[in-house]
Amino acid sequence: MSTRDPSTLEKEYGLNFSNKALLKTAFVHSSYVNELDGEGQEDNERLEFLGDSVLGFVVSEWLFGRYPQSREGELTAMRAA
């Protein structure tokens, strides 16, 4: 598996990322890191954890405002769906 240079992504989509190392880490799966035998590359699992939490917050806030009469259990079920 080859890793792409973050600048390629920036050029293709007209973006500019200030932390290229973080961007590269975002695309590295843990199975790839396991194949490297500890060469210092971090996988994206910590970023995935953070992203899941942020997305959960955003969805919760939207559901809370969209369904003001719903109870906690109903909102939880909708968020899980």
PDB file of N, CA and C in Angstrom:
ATOM      1  N   MET A   1       0.845  -1.188   0.000  1.00  0.00           N
ATOM      2  CA  MET A   1       0.000   0.000   0.000  1.00  0.00           C
ATOM      3  C   MET A   1       0.881   1.239   0.000  1.00  0.00           C
ATOM      4  N   SER A   2       0.565   2.183  -0.821  1.00  0.00           N
ATOM      5  CA  SER A   2       1.345   3.411  -0.830  1.00  0.00           C
ATOM      6  C   SER A   2       0.534   4.520  -0.174  1.00  0.00           C
ATOM      7  N   THR A   3       1.217   5.433   0.461  1.00  0.00           N
ATOM      8  CA  THR A   3       0.542   6.580   1.052  1.00  0.00           C
ATOM      9  C   THR A   3       0.720   7.760   0.121  1.00  0.00           C
ATOM     10  N   ARG A   4      -0.304   8.559   0.007  1.00  0.00           N
ATOM     11  CA  ARG A   4      -0.248   9.719  -0.870  1.00  0.00           C
ATOM     12  C   ARG A   4       0.242  10.921  -0.099  1.00  0.00           C
ATOM     13  N   ASP A   5       0.892  11.783  -0.788  1.00  0.00           N
ATOM     14  CA  ASP A   5       1.369  13.034  -0.217  1.00  0.00           C
ATOM     15  C   ASP A   5       0.153  13.925   0.051  1.00  0.00           C
ATOM     16  N   PRO A   6       0.048  14.494   1.251  1.00  0.00           N
ATOM     17  CA  PRO A   6      -1.088  15.373   1.547  1.00  0.00           C
ATOM     18  C   PRO A   6      -1.232  16.526   0.570  1.00  0.00           C
ATOM     19  N   SER A   7      -0.127  16.984  -0.020  1.00  0.00           N
ATOM     20  CA  SER A   7      -0.225  18.099  -0.954  1.00  0.00           C
ATOM     21  C   SER A   7      -1.033  17.722  -2.197  1.00  0.00           C
ATOM     22  N   THR A   8      -1.058  16.436  -2.557  1.00  0.00           N
ATOM     23  CA  THR A   8      -1.859  15.980  -3.687  1.00  0.00           C
ATOM     24  C   THR A   8      -3.337  16.216  -3.405  1.00  0.00           C
ATOM     25  N   LEU A   9      -3.784  15.867  -2.216  1.00  0.00           N
ATOM     26  CA  LEU A   9      -5.172  16.085  -1.819  1.00  0.00           C
ATOM     27  C   LEU A   9      -5.506  17.573  -1.842  1.00  0.00           C
ATOM     28  N   GLU A  10      -4.594  18.372  -1.338  1.00  0.00           N
ATOM     29  CA  GLU A  10      -4.821  19.818  -1.312  1.00  0.00           C
ATOM     30  C   GLU A  10      -4.979  20.375  -2.731  1.00  0.00           C
ATOM     31  N   LYS A  11      -4.115  19.950  -3.620  1.00  0.00           N
ATOM     32  CA  LYS A  11      -4.171  20.439  -5.002  1.00  0.00           C
ATOM     33  C   LYS A  11      -5.450  19.994  -5.698  1.00  0.00           C
ATOM     34  N   GLU A  12      -5.821  18.718  -5.511  1.00  0.00           N
ATOM     35  CA  GLU A  12      -7.006  18.184  -6.181  1.00  0.00           C
ATOM     36  C   GLU A  12      -8.295  18.874  -5.748  1.00  0.00           C
ATOM     37  N   TYR A  13      -8.368  19.274  -4.475  1.00  0.00           N
ATOM     38  CA  TYR A  13      -9.611  19.834  -3.943  1.00  0.00           C
ATOM     39  C   TYR A  13      -9.516  21.313  -3.572  1.00  0.00           C
ATOM     40  N   GLY A  14      -8.394  21.937  -3.857  1.00  0.00           N
ATOM     41  CA  GLY A  14      -8.244  23.359  -3.572  1.00  0.00           C
ATOM     42  C   GLY A  14      -8.268  23.686  -2.088  1.00  0.00           C
ATOM     43  N   LEU A  15      -7.659  22.817  -1.278  1.00  0.00           N
ATOM     44  CA  LEU A  15      -7.635  22.994   0.170  1.00  0.00           C
ATOM     45  C   LEU A  15      -6.236  23.337   0.641  1.00  0.00           C
ATOM     46  N   ASN A  16      -6.126  23.839   1.862  1.00  0.00           N
ATOM     47  CA  ASN A  16      -4.824  24.112   2.457  1.00  0.00           C
ATOM     48  C   ASN A  16      -4.869  23.703   3.924  1.00  0.00           C
ATOM     49  N   PHE A  17      -4.164  22.627   4.260  1.00  0.00           N
ATOM     50  CA  PHE A  17      -4.121  22.137   5.629  1.00  0.00           C
ATOM     51  C   PHE A  17      -2.841  22.626   6.302  1.00  0.00           C
ATOM     52  N   SER A  18      -2.961  23.163   7.497  1.00  0.00           N
ATOM     53  CA  SER A  18      -1.782  23.669   8.187  1.00  0.00           C
ATOM     54  C   SER A  18      -0.959  22.557   8.835  1.00  0.00           C
ATOM     55  N   ASN A  19      -1.598  21.445   9.208  1.00  0.00           N
ATOM     56  CA  ASN A  19      -0.877  20.342   9.854  1.00  0.00           C
ATOM     57  C   ASN A  19      -0.897  19.121   8.929  1.00  0.00           C
ATOM     58  N   LYS A  20       0.121  19.043   8.087  1.00  0.00           N
ATOM     59  CA  LYS A  20       0.183  17.959   7.086  1.00  0.00           C
ATOM     60  C   LYS A  20       0.340  16.590   7.743  1.00  0.00           C
ATOM     61  N   ALA A  21       1.061  16.516   8.857  1.00  0.00           N
ATOM     62  CA  ALA A  21       1.254  15.236   9.545  1.00  0.00           C
ATOM     63  C   ALA A  21      -0.079  14.708  10.075  1.00  0.00           C
ATOM     64  N   LEU A  22      -0.902  15.585  10.613  1.00  0.00           N
ATOM     65  CA  LEU A  22      -2.214  15.187  11.119  1.00  0.00           C
ATOM     66  C   LEU A  22      -3.111  14.724   9.974  1.00  0.00           C
ATOM     67  N   LEU A  23      -3.051  15.421   8.862  1.00  0.00           N
ATOM     68  CA  LEU A  23      -3.828  15.029   7.687  1.00  0.00           C
ATOM     69  C   LEU A  23      -3.415  13.636   7.219  1.00  0.00           C
ATOM     70  N   LYS A  24      -2.128  13.383   7.158  1.00  0.00           N
ATOM     71  CA  LYS A  24      -1.640  12.065   6.736  1.00  0.00           C
ATOM     72  C   LYS A  24      -2.115  10.985   7.709  1.00  0.00           C
ATOM     73  N   THR A  25      -2.037  11.262   9.000  1.00  0.00           N
ATOM     74  CA  THR A  25      -2.477  10.305  10.015  1.00  0.00           C
ATOM     75  C   THR A  25      -3.962   9.973   9.852  1.00  0.00           C
ATOM     76  N   ALA A  26      -4.755  10.946   9.446  1.00  0.00           N
ATOM     77  CA  ALA A  26      -6.191  10.728   9.291  1.00  0.00           C
ATOM     78  C   ALA A  26      -6.511   9.635   8.281  1.00  0.00           C
ATOM     79  N   PHE A  27      -5.596   9.374   7.369  1.00  0.00           N
ATOM     80  CA  PHE A  27      -5.834   8.377   6.325  1.00  0.00           C
ATOM     81  C   PHE A  27      -5.094   7.062   6.551  1.00  0.00           C
ATOM     82  N   VAL A  28      -4.492   6.881   7.725  1.00  0.00           N
ATOM     83  CA  VAL A  28      -3.693   5.673   7.986  1.00  0.00           C
ATOM     84  C   VAL A  28      -4.483   4.705   8.863  1.00  0.00           C
ATOM     85  N   HIS A  29      -4.800   3.546   8.316  1.00  0.00           N
ATOM     86  CA  HIS A  29      -5.541   2.514   9.032  1.00  0.00           C
ATOM     87  C   HIS A  29      -4.599   1.732   9.938  1.00  0.00           C
ATOM     88  N   SER A  30      -5.143   1.211  11.028  1.00  0.00           N
ATOM     89  CA  SER A  30      -4.318   0.477  12.003  1.00  0.00           C
ATOM     90  C   SER A  30      -3.675  -0.761  11.391  1.00  0.00           C
ATOM     91  N   SER A  31      -4.319  -1.397  10.422  1.00  0.00           N
ATOM     92  CA  SER A  31      -3.723  -2.580   9.800  1.00  0.00           C
ATOM     93  C   SER A  31      -2.454  -2.221   9.033  1.00  0.00           C
ATOM     94  N   TYR A  32      -2.418  -1.025   8.467  1.00  0.00           N
ATOM     95  CA  TYR A  32      -1.217  -0.565   7.769  1.00  0.00           C
ATOM     96  C   TYR A  32      -0.085  -0.333   8.761  1.00  0.00           C
ATOM     97  N   VAL A  33      -0.398   0.279   9.893  1.00  0.00           N
ATOM     98  CA  VAL A  33       0.616   0.533  10.924  1.00  0.00           C
ATOM     99  C   VAL A  33       1.168  -0.789  11.446  1.00  0.00           C
ATOM    100  N   ASN A  34       0.308  -1.789  11.606  1.00  0.00           N
ATOM    101  CA  ASN A  34       0.769  -3.097  12.072  1.00  0.00           C
ATOM    102  C   ASN A  34       1.773  -3.715  11.113  1.00  0.00           C
ATOM    103  N   GLU A  35       1.630  -3.464   9.826  1.00  0.00           N
ATOM    104  CA  GLU A  35       2.568  -3.991   8.834  1.00  0.00           C
ATOM    105  C   GLU A  35       3.916  -3.277   8.872  1.00  0.00           C
ATOM    106  N   LEU A  36       3.955  -2.086   9.439  1.00  0.00           N
ATOM    107  CA  LEU A  36       5.195  -1.306   9.485  1.00  0.00           C
ATOM    108  C   LEU A  36       6.138  -1.744  10.595  1.00  0.00           C
ATOM    109  N   ASP A  37       5.686  -2.590  11.501  1.00  0.00           N
ATOM    110  CA  ASP A  37       6.507  -3.062  12.627  1.00  0.00           C
ATOM    111  C   ASP A  37       7.096  -1.916  13.456  1.00  0.00           C
ATOM    112  N   GLY A  38       6.236  -1.006  13.862  1.00  0.00           N
ATOM    113  CA  GLY A  38       6.654   0.047  14.782  1.00  0.00           C
ATOM    114  C   GLY A  38       7.589   1.081  14.213  1.00  0.00           C
ATOM    115  N   GLU A  39       7.366   1.515  13.003  1.00  0.00           N
ATOM    116  CA  GLU A  39       8.220   2.534  12.387  1.00  0.00           C
ATOM    117  C   GLU A  39       7.804   3.958  12.742  1.00  0.00           C
ATOM    118  N   GLY A  40       6.964   4.119  13.755  1.00  0.00           N
ATOM    119  CA  GLY A  40       6.623   5.453  14.241  1.00  0.00           C
ATOM    120  C   GLY A  40       5.398   6.097  13.617  1.00  0.00           C
ATOM    121  N   GLN A  41       4.741   5.438  12.698  1.00  0.00           N
ATOM    122  CA  GLN A  41       3.533   6.011  12.095  1.00  0.00           C
ATOM    123  C   GLN A  41       2.334   5.743  12.995  1.00  0.00           C
ATOM    124  N   GLU A  42       1.590   6.801  13.306  1.00  0.00           N
ATOM    125  CA  GLU A  42       0.378   6.665  14.119  1.00  0.00           C
ATOM    126  C   GLU A  42      -0.812   6.348  13.213  1.00  0.00           C
ATOM    127  N   ASP A  43      -1.747   5.538  13.711  1.00  0.00           N
ATOM    128  CA  ASP A  43      -2.956   5.266  12.925  1.00  0.00           C
ATOM    129  C   ASP A  43      -4.037   6.295  13.253  1.00  0.00           C
ATOM    130  N   ASN A  44      -5.155   6.188  12.565  1.00  0.00           N
ATOM    131  CA  ASN A  44      -6.214   7.189  12.688  1.00  0.00           C
ATOM    132  C   ASN A  44      -7.243   6.894  13.776  1.00  0.00           C
ATOM    133  N   GLU A  45      -7.025   5.882  14.601  1.00  0.00           N
ATOM    134  CA  GLU A  45      -8.057   5.488  15.565  1.00  0.00           C
ATOM    135  C   GLU A  45      -8.373   6.563  16.599  1.00  0.00           C
ATOM    136  N   ARG A  46      -7.374   7.282  17.079  1.00  0.00           N
ATOM    137  CA  ARG A  46      -7.649   8.363  18.038  1.00  0.00           C
ATOM    138  C   ARG A  46      -8.456   9.481  17.368  1.00  0.00           C
ATOM    139  N   LEU A  47      -8.125   9.784  16.113  1.00  0.00           N
ATOM    140  CA  LEU A  47      -8.885  10.797  15.389  1.00  0.00           C
ATOM    141  C   LEU A  47     -10.315  10.322  15.124  1.00  0.00           C
ATOM    142  N   GLU A  48     -10.465   9.032  14.840  1.00  0.00           N
ATOM    143  CA  GLU A  48     -11.791   8.461  14.623  1.00  0.00           C
ATOM    144  C   GLU A  48     -12.634   8.580  15.898  1.00  0.00           C
ATOM    145  N   PHE A  49     -12.032   8.315  17.040  1.00  0.00           N
ATOM    146  CA  PHE A  49     -12.721   8.460  18.329  1.00  0.00           C
ATOM    147  C   PHE A  49     -13.211   9.895  18.507  1.00  0.00           C
ATOM    148  N   LEU A  50     -12.335  10.850  18.240  1.00  0.00           N
ATOM    149  CA  LEU A  50     -12.701  12.258  18.386  1.00  0.00           C
ATOM    150  C   LEU A  50     -13.805  12.635  17.403  1.00  0.00           C
ATOM    151  N   GLY A  51     -13.661  12.204  16.157  1.00  0.00           N
ATOM    152  CA  GLY A  51     -14.674  12.513  15.148  1.00  0.00           C
ATOM    153  C   GLY A  51     -16.024  11.926  15.488  1.00  0.00           C
ATOM    154  N   ASP A  52     -16.034  10.688  15.974  1.00  0.00           N
ATOM    155  CA  ASP A  52     -17.289  10.066  16.379  1.00  0.00           C
ATOM    156  C   ASP A  52     -17.955  10.855  17.497  1.00  0.00           C
ATOM    157  N   SER A  53     -17.158  11.348  18.424  1.00  0.00           N
ATOM    158  CA  SER A  53     -17.703  12.124  19.542  1.00  0.00           C
ATOM    159  C   SER A  53     -18.281  13.450  19.065  1.00  0.00           C
ATOM    160  N   VAL A  54     -17.579  14.131  18.182  1.00  0.00           N
ATOM    161  CA  VAL A  54     -18.060  15.410  17.655  1.00  0.00           C
ATOM    162  C   VAL A  54     -19.340  15.194  16.849  1.00  0.00           C
ATOM    163  N   LEU A  55     -19.336  14.186  15.998  1.00  0.00           N
ATOM    164  CA  LEU A  55     -20.529  13.898  15.204  1.00  0.00           C
ATOM    165  C   LEU A  55     -21.713  13.540  16.108  1.00  0.00           C
ATOM    166  N   GLY A  56     -21.460  12.758  17.154  1.00  0.00           N
ATOM    167  CA  GLY A  56     -22.506  12.421  18.109  1.00  0.00           C
ATOM    168  C   GLY A  56     -23.081  13.649  18.776  1.00  0.00           C
ATOM    169  N   PHE A  57     -22.225  14.596  19.130  1.00  0.00           N
ATOM    170  CA  PHE A  57     -22.686  15.843  19.740  1.00  0.00           C
ATOM    171  C   PHE A  57     -23.552  16.644  18.770  1.00  0.00           C
ATOM    172  N   VAL A  58     -23.091  16.784  17.545  1.00  0.00           N
ATOM    173  CA  VAL A  58     -23.824  17.570  16.551  1.00  0.00           C
ATOM    174  C   VAL A  58     -25.191  16.951  16.272  1.00  0.00           C
ATOM    175  N   VAL A  59     -25.225  15.640  16.098  1.00  0.00           N
ATOM    176  CA  VAL A  59     -26.493  14.955  15.845  1.00  0.00           C
ATOM    177  C   VAL A  59     -27.418  15.075  17.056  1.00  0.00           C
ATOM    178  N   SER A  60     -26.860  14.936  18.255  1.00  0.00           N
ATOM    179  CA  SER A  60     -27.672  15.061  19.474  1.00  0.00           C
ATOM    180  C   SER A  60     -28.288  16.443  19.588  1.00  0.00           C
ATOM    181  N   GLU A  61     -27.503  17.451  19.314  1.00  0.00           N
ATOM    182  CA  GLU A  61     -27.996  18.821  19.404  1.00  0.00           C
ATOM    183  C   GLU A  61     -29.091  19.055  18.372  1.00  0.00           C
ATOM    184  N   TRP A  62     -28.912  18.530  17.158  1.00  0.00           N
ATOM    185  CA  TRP A  62     -29.925  18.681  16.109  1.00  0.00           C
ATOM    186  C   TRP A  62     -31.215  17.969  16.506  1.00  0.00           C
ATOM    187  N   LEU A  63     -31.111  16.726  16.967  1.00  0.00           N
ATOM    188  CA  LEU A  63     -32.294  15.976  17.384  1.00  0.00           C
ATOM    189  C   LEU A  63     -33.002  16.667  18.541  1.00  0.00           C
ATOM    190  N   PHE A  64     -32.239  17.176  19.493  1.00  0.00           N
ATOM    191  CA  PHE A  64     -32.803  17.862  20.651  1.00  0.00           C
ATOM    192  C   PHE A  64     -33.660  19.057  20.217  1.00  0.00           C
ATOM    193  N   GLY A  65     -33.169  19.830  19.265  1.00  0.00           N
ATOM    194  CA  GLY A  65     -33.916  20.983  18.764  1.00  0.00           C
ATOM    195  C   GLY A  65     -35.053  20.605  17.835  1.00  0.00           C
ATOM    196  N   ARG A  66     -34.874  19.570  17.050  1.00  0.00           N
ATOM    197  CA  ARG A  66     -35.868  19.151  16.051  1.00  0.00           C
ATOM    198  C   ARG A  66     -37.054  18.439  16.676  1.00  0.00           C
ATOM    199  N   TYR A  67     -36.832  17.722  17.744  1.00  0.00           N
ATOM    200  CA  TYR A  67     -37.889  16.933  18.403  1.00  0.00           C
ATOM    201  C   TYR A  67     -38.015  17.329  19.876  1.00  0.00           C
ATOM    202  N   PRO A  68     -38.557  18.519  20.149  1.00  0.00           N
ATOM    203  CA  PRO A  68     -38.600  19.023  21.531  1.00  0.00           C
ATOM    204  C   PRO A  68     -39.495  18.220  22.473  1.00  0.00           C
ATOM    205  N   GLN A  69     -40.437  17.469  21.938  1.00  0.00           N
ATOM    206  CA  GLN A  69     -41.328  16.693  22.794  1.00  0.00           C
ATOM    207  C   GLN A  69     -40.827  15.268  23.049  1.00  0.00           C
ATOM    208  N   SER A  70     -39.758  14.857  22.379  1.00  0.00           N
ATOM    209  CA  SER A  70     -39.251  13.485  22.527  1.00  0.00           C
ATOM    210  C   SER A  70     -38.513  13.313  23.850  1.00  0.00           C
ATOM    211  N   ARG A  71     -38.653  12.127  24.383  1.00  0.00           N
ATOM    212  CA  ARG A  71     -37.975  11.804  25.637  1.00  0.00           C
ATOM    213  C   ARG A  71     -36.573  11.280  25.347  1.00  0.00           C
ATOM    214  N   GLU A  72     -35.787  11.158  26.385  1.00  0.00           N
ATOM    215  CA  GLU A  72     -34.379  10.768  26.265  1.00  0.00           C
ATOM    216  C   GLU A  72     -34.209   9.444  25.523  1.00  0.00           C
ATOM    217  N   GLY A  73     -35.008   8.459  25.844  1.00  0.00           N
ATOM    218  CA  GLY A  73     -34.895   7.162  25.185  1.00  0.00           C
ATOM    219  C   GLY A  73     -35.171   7.227  23.695  1.00  0.00           C
ATOM    220  N   GLU A  74     -36.166   8.025  23.319  1.00  0.00           N
ATOM    221  CA  GLU A  74     -36.491   8.191  21.901  1.00  0.00           C
ATOM    222  C   GLU A  74     -35.352   8.900  21.172  1.00  0.00           C
ATOM    223  N   LEU A  75     -34.820   9.934  21.792  1.00  0.00           N
ATOM    224  CA  LEU A  75     -33.713  10.676  21.178  1.00  0.00           C
ATOM    225  C   LEU A  75     -32.473   9.777  21.034  1.00  0.00           C
ATOM    226  N   THR A  76     -32.222   8.959  22.032  1.00  0.00           N
ATOM    227  CA  THR A  76     -31.090   8.036  21.980  1.00  0.00           C
ATOM    228  C   THR A  76     -31.240   7.052  20.837  1.00  0.00           C
ATOM    229  N   ALA A  77     -32.453   6.526  20.667  1.00  0.00           N
ATOM    230  CA  ALA A  77     -32.716   5.576  19.583  1.00  0.00           C
ATOM    231  C   ALA A  77     -32.537   6.238  18.207  1.00  0.00           C
ATOM    232  N   MET A  78     -33.013   7.461  18.088  1.00  0.00           N
ATOM    233  CA  MET A  78     -32.860   8.176  16.815  1.00  0.00           C
ATOM    234  C   MET A  78     -31.386   8.465  16.529  1.00  0.00           C
ATOM    235  N   ARG A  79     -30.643   8.854  17.544  1.00  0.00           N
ATOM    236  CA  ARG A  79     -29.231   9.131  17.357  1.00  0.00           C
ATOM    237  C   ARG A  79     -28.485   7.868  16.945  1.00  0.00           C
ATOM    238  N   ALA A  80     -28.828   6.756  17.531  1.00  0.00           N
ATOM    239  CA  ALA A  80     -28.185   5.484  17.199  1.00  0.00           C
ATOM    240  C   ALA A  80     -28.498   5.048  15.779  1.00  0.00           C
ATOM    241  N   ALA A  81     -29.700   5.399  15.330  1.00  0.00           N
ATOM    242  CA  ALA A  81     -30.106   5.017  13.965  1.00  0.00           C
ATOM    243  C   ALA A  81     -29.326   5.834  12.956  1.00  0.00           C
TER     244      ALA A  81
END
